[in-house]
Protein backbone atom coordinates (compact mmCIF):
# COMPACT_ATOMS: atom_id res chain seq x y z
CA ILE A 1 -10.47 36.56 35.32
CA SER A 2 -10.03 33.04 36.45
CA CYS A 3 -6.49 32.34 35.36
CA THR A 4 -2.90 33.37 35.89
CA ILE A 5 -1.59 35.38 32.95
CA VAL A 6 2.11 35.89 32.32
CA LEU A 7 3.28 38.49 29.80
CA LEU A 8 6.08 37.85 27.42
CA SER A 9 8.15 40.12 25.31
CA LEU A 10 8.34 39.25 21.57
CA LEU A 11 10.16 36.02 22.51
CA LEU A 12 8.36 33.30 20.44
CA ALA A 13 8.01 35.08 17.16
CA SER A 14 9.24 38.09 15.31
CA SER A 15 6.56 40.51 14.26
CA ARG A 16 6.57 44.13 13.34
CA PRO A 17 6.41 46.59 16.25
CA ALA A 18 3.17 48.50 16.79
CA SER A 19 4.57 51.68 15.29
CA ALA A 20 5.53 49.84 12.12
CA MET A 21 2.08 48.21 11.88
CA MET A 22 0.44 51.56 12.31
CA LYS A 23 2.62 53.04 9.56
CA ALA A 24 2.05 50.09 7.29
CA SER A 25 -1.76 50.40 7.78
CA THR A 26 -1.68 53.69 5.87
CA THR A 27 0.42 52.51 2.98
CA HIS A 28 -0.10 50.13 0.11
CA HIS A 29 0.65 46.44 0.48
CA MET A 30 1.66 44.01 -2.23
CA GLU A 31 -1.21 41.69 -2.79
CA TYR A 32 -0.68 38.09 -3.99
CA LYS A 33 -2.93 37.06 -6.81
CA ILE A 34 -4.66 33.85 -6.24
CA GLU A 35 -6.64 32.06 -8.91
CA LEU A 36 -9.70 30.41 -7.36
CA VAL A 37 -10.50 26.89 -8.49
CA PRO A 38 -14.21 26.15 -8.36
CA GLY A 39 -15.24 23.50 -5.78
CA LYS A 40 -12.00 23.68 -3.70
CA GLN A 41 -12.36 25.01 -0.19
CA CYS A 42 -11.53 24.37 3.47
CA PRO A 43 -13.68 21.82 5.48
CA PRO A 44 -15.67 22.73 8.56
CA LEU A 45 -14.00 23.04 11.90
CA SER A 46 -14.00 19.75 13.80
CA LYS A 47 -12.03 17.95 16.50
CA ASP A 48 -11.15 15.17 14.10
CA LEU A 49 -9.64 17.58 11.68
CA LEU A 50 -7.44 19.28 14.27
CA THR A 51 -6.36 15.99 15.73
CA GLN A 52 -4.73 15.00 12.46
CA HIS A 53 -1.88 17.50 12.99
CA ALA A 54 -2.06 18.40 16.65
CA LYS A 55 1.07 17.81 18.63
CA ASP A 56 0.64 16.78 22.26
CA LYS A 57 -2.89 18.35 22.00
CA MET A 58 -1.37 21.61 20.85
CA VAL A 59 -2.40 23.55 17.77
CA LEU A 60 -1.22 26.84 16.24
CA ILE A 61 -4.08 28.78 14.79
CA MET A 62 -3.99 31.70 12.43
CA ALA A 63 -7.35 33.29 11.56
CA VAL A 64 -7.41 35.32 8.33
CA ASP A 65 -9.89 37.14 6.01
CA LYS A 66 -9.53 38.05 2.32
CA LEU A 67 -7.58 41.28 3.00
CA LEU A 68 -5.01 39.65 5.18
CA MET A 69 -4.81 36.48 3.06
CA GLN A 70 -3.88 38.50 0.01
CA ARG A 71 -1.17 40.33 1.87
CA PHE A 72 0.35 37.88 4.37
CA GLY A 73 -1.20 34.45 3.82
CA ARG A 74 1.47 32.83 1.67
CA SER A 75 4.45 34.27 3.58
CA TRP A 76 2.96 33.03 6.89
CA ILE A 77 2.48 29.53 5.46
CA GLN A 78 6.05 29.53 4.13
CA ALA A 79 7.44 30.66 7.47
CA VAL A 80 5.74 28.03 9.56
CA GLN A 81 6.71 25.34 7.17
CA LYS A 82 10.31 26.45 7.07
CA SER A 83 10.44 26.67 10.92
CA GLY A 84 9.38 23.04 11.27
CA ILE A 85 6.02 23.70 12.81
CA THR A 86 3.65 20.99 11.78
CA TYR A 87 0.61 21.54 14.05
CA TRP A 88 -0.70 24.70 12.37
CA TYR A 89 -4.09 25.50 10.92
CA ILE A 90 -5.56 28.47 9.16
CA ALA A 91 -9.13 29.58 10.02
CA ALA A 92 -10.83 31.02 6.92
CA MET A 93 -12.97 33.95 8.09
CA ASP A 94 -14.91 34.31 4.84
CA PRO A 95 -15.82 32.21 1.80
CA TRP A 96 -13.27 33.84 -0.53
CA THR A 97 -10.42 32.89 1.84
CA SER A 98 -11.67 29.31 2.12
CA GLU A 99 -11.75 28.95 -1.67
CA ALA A 100 -8.30 30.63 -1.89
CA LEU A 101 -6.76 28.19 0.59
CA GLY A 102 -8.38 25.24 -1.20
CA SER A 103 -7.07 26.49 -4.51
CA LEU A 104 -3.52 26.62 -3.05
CA ASN A 105 -4.04 22.99 -1.96
CA ILE A 106 -3.78 23.94 1.72
CA THR A 107 -5.28 21.05 3.67
CA GLN A 108 -4.50 22.42 7.12
CA CYS A 109 -7.38 24.83 7.18
CA PHE A 110 -10.97 25.10 8.29
CA ASN A 111 -13.95 27.38 7.87
CA ALA A 112 -14.47 29.63 10.80
CA PRO A 113 -17.76 28.98 12.62
CA TYR A 114 -19.54 31.85 10.90
CA LYS A 115 -22.76 31.57 12.90
CA LYS A 116 -20.82 32.21 16.13
CA LEU A 117 -19.04 35.25 14.83
CA GLY A 118 -20.52 38.58 15.85
CA TYR A 119 -19.14 40.52 12.85
CA LYS A 120 -19.66 39.42 9.24
CA GLY A 121 -18.72 42.65 7.47
CA ALA A 122 -15.91 43.32 5.06
CA GLY A 123 -13.55 46.22 4.63
CA GLU A 124 -11.75 47.65 1.62
CA ALA A 125 -8.59 48.46 3.66
CA TYR A 126 -7.12 46.73 6.65
CA GLN A 127 -6.38 49.87 8.62
CA TRP A 128 -5.16 49.73 12.15
CA GLY A 129 -7.82 51.10 14.50
CA SER A 130 -10.68 50.89 11.93
CA ASN A 131 -13.96 49.28 12.74
CA HIS A 132 -13.18 46.33 10.39
CA TRP A 133 -9.85 45.81 12.16
CA LEU A 134 -11.48 46.03 15.59
CA GLN A 135 -14.38 43.74 14.83
CA THR A 136 -12.15 41.14 13.00
CA THR A 137 -9.78 41.07 15.99
CA TRP A 138 -12.72 40.16 18.28
CA ASN A 139 -13.84 37.43 15.80
CA LYS A 140 -10.42 35.87 16.15
CA VAL A 141 -11.03 35.38 19.89
CA PHE A 142 -14.34 33.63 19.22
CA ILE A 143 -12.59 31.28 16.78
CA ILE A 144 -9.79 30.53 19.31
CA ARG A 145 -12.46 29.79 21.91
CA ALA A 146 -14.22 27.35 19.54
CA VAL A 147 -10.89 25.49 19.08
CA TYR A 148 -10.10 25.59 22.84
CA ARG A 149 -13.51 24.02 23.65
CA MET A 150 -12.43 20.92 21.66
CA GLY A 151 -9.73 20.19 24.27
CA PHE A 152 -6.63 21.67 22.65
CA HIS A 153 -3.92 23.92 23.99
CA VAL A 154 -4.13 26.90 21.61
CA LEU A 155 -1.29 29.02 20.24
CA HIS A 156 -2.72 32.06 18.34
CA SER A 157 -0.72 33.91 15.65
CA ASP A 158 -1.61 36.88 13.55
CA ALA A 159 -0.96 36.72 9.82
CA ASP A 160 1.82 39.32 9.92
CA THR A 161 3.95 37.21 12.31
CA THR A 162 7.03 35.49 11.06
CA TRP A 163 7.98 32.28 12.88
CA TRP A 164 11.75 31.48 13.02
CA ASN A 165 11.56 28.42 15.24
CA ASP A 166 9.10 25.85 16.58
CA PRO A 167 7.97 26.91 20.05
CA HIS A 168 6.43 23.52 20.90
CA GLN A 169 9.18 22.23 23.20
CA TRP A 170 9.37 25.49 25.07
CA LEU A 171 5.62 25.70 25.56
CA THR A 172 5.17 22.16 26.79
CA GLN A 173 6.97 22.95 30.04
CA PHE A 174 3.73 24.80 30.96
CA THR A 175 1.27 22.11 29.92
CA LYS A 176 2.51 19.30 32.17
CA ASP A 177 0.07 20.23 34.95
CA GLU A 178 -2.66 22.68 35.78
CA ALA A 179 -0.39 25.05 37.74
CA PRO A 180 0.14 28.69 36.60
CA PRO A 181 0.78 30.21 34.22
CA HIS A 182 -2.39 29.42 32.34
CA ALA A 183 -2.04 32.01 29.56
CA LEU A 184 0.96 33.68 27.88
CA PHE A 185 0.67 36.93 26.03
CA THR A 186 3.17 38.96 24.12
CA THR A 187 3.47 42.64 24.84
CA ASP A 188 4.20 45.77 22.87
CA SER A 189 7.58 46.03 24.58
CA LEU A 190 10.61 46.00 22.30
CA GLU A 191 13.17 45.29 25.00
CA THR A 192 13.74 42.77 27.78
CA ARG A 193 15.24 43.13 31.20
CA ASN A 194 16.13 39.41 31.41
CA GLU A 195 19.72 38.37 31.55
CA PRO A 196 21.20 37.40 28.09
CA ALA A 197 21.15 33.73 28.96
CA ASP A 198 17.63 33.77 30.44
CA GLN A 199 15.21 32.35 27.80
CA GLY A 200 12.33 32.10 30.36
CA LEU A 201 9.34 34.27 30.83
CA GLU A 202 9.77 38.05 31.10
CA ALA A 203 10.70 38.94 34.63
CA SER A 204 9.86 42.63 34.43
CA THR A 205 6.19 42.62 33.43
CA SER A 206 3.25 43.95 35.40
CA PRO A 207 -0.57 44.24 35.04
CA TRP A 208 -0.05 47.76 33.44
CA TYR A 209 1.85 46.45 30.46
CA ASN A 210 0.13 46.72 27.08
CA ILE A 211 -0.53 43.17 25.94
CA ASN A 212 -0.49 42.32 22.21
CA THR A 213 -2.85 39.59 21.10
CA GLY A 214 -0.84 39.02 17.93
CA VAL A 215 0.72 36.01 19.63
CA TYR A 216 -0.69 34.31 22.69
CA PHE A 217 -1.02 30.82 24.19
CA ILE A 218 -3.72 29.38 26.42
CA LYS A 219 -3.41 25.89 27.89
CA GLN A 220 -6.15 23.56 28.99
CA TYR A 221 -6.98 24.04 32.69
CA PRO A 222 -10.23 23.90 34.74
CA HIS A 223 -11.15 27.52 34.46
CA GLY A 224 -10.30 28.01 30.77
CA GLU A 225 -13.87 28.36 29.61
CA GLN A 226 -14.49 30.99 32.31
CA PHE A 227 -11.45 32.83 31.12
CA PHE A 228 -12.95 33.16 27.63
CA LYS A 229 -16.34 34.06 29.04
CA ASP A 230 -14.79 36.88 31.08
CA TRP A 231 -12.78 38.06 28.12
CA LEU A 232 -15.66 38.10 25.61
């Protein structure tokens, strides 16, 4: 793959560990009831739309379908707003989610490019490891690539991630030039071997670490398109 990847521990955001996610996938979640308002929905994805809130050409994207929107959508929005993040957008992966976001008067959203998504199915339960979970996870990568092609540095976040602080200032140290690292991924590791005062990248990672695509960042660089091509 034509890039330099650096793995992070769960440094930028606090999300549930893999074991907790697997356990939660087999239990019942509280669903938020959203009353749909006819005629209200997200607009199509466009560079002009993203430019309205992008910060130094950086955007935070969270792609969500009906199942995840009902469970985590509102809490995710509240967390990013409380943390001071202003450059966020939600990608609606189905018509219901688009209408739900419009009904909640969320303007920082867009309809995912449905024609470019390989999977258009729906599931009754968002179970870790299920076909719906797997195919939806791949669809998210296609959405991130569509945003990346518009010239933005892209920070991806899953819906069940809680943001405590704005990572913009920390991430901009890597966007000043085209030098590595080009992509930052969280891992499934729940510990760090960095010194307590070291807030930099994880020093103890290796190519054999399990990455977690719940949170990752890809900056603009000459081989970025090839990176997505190799990935997909």
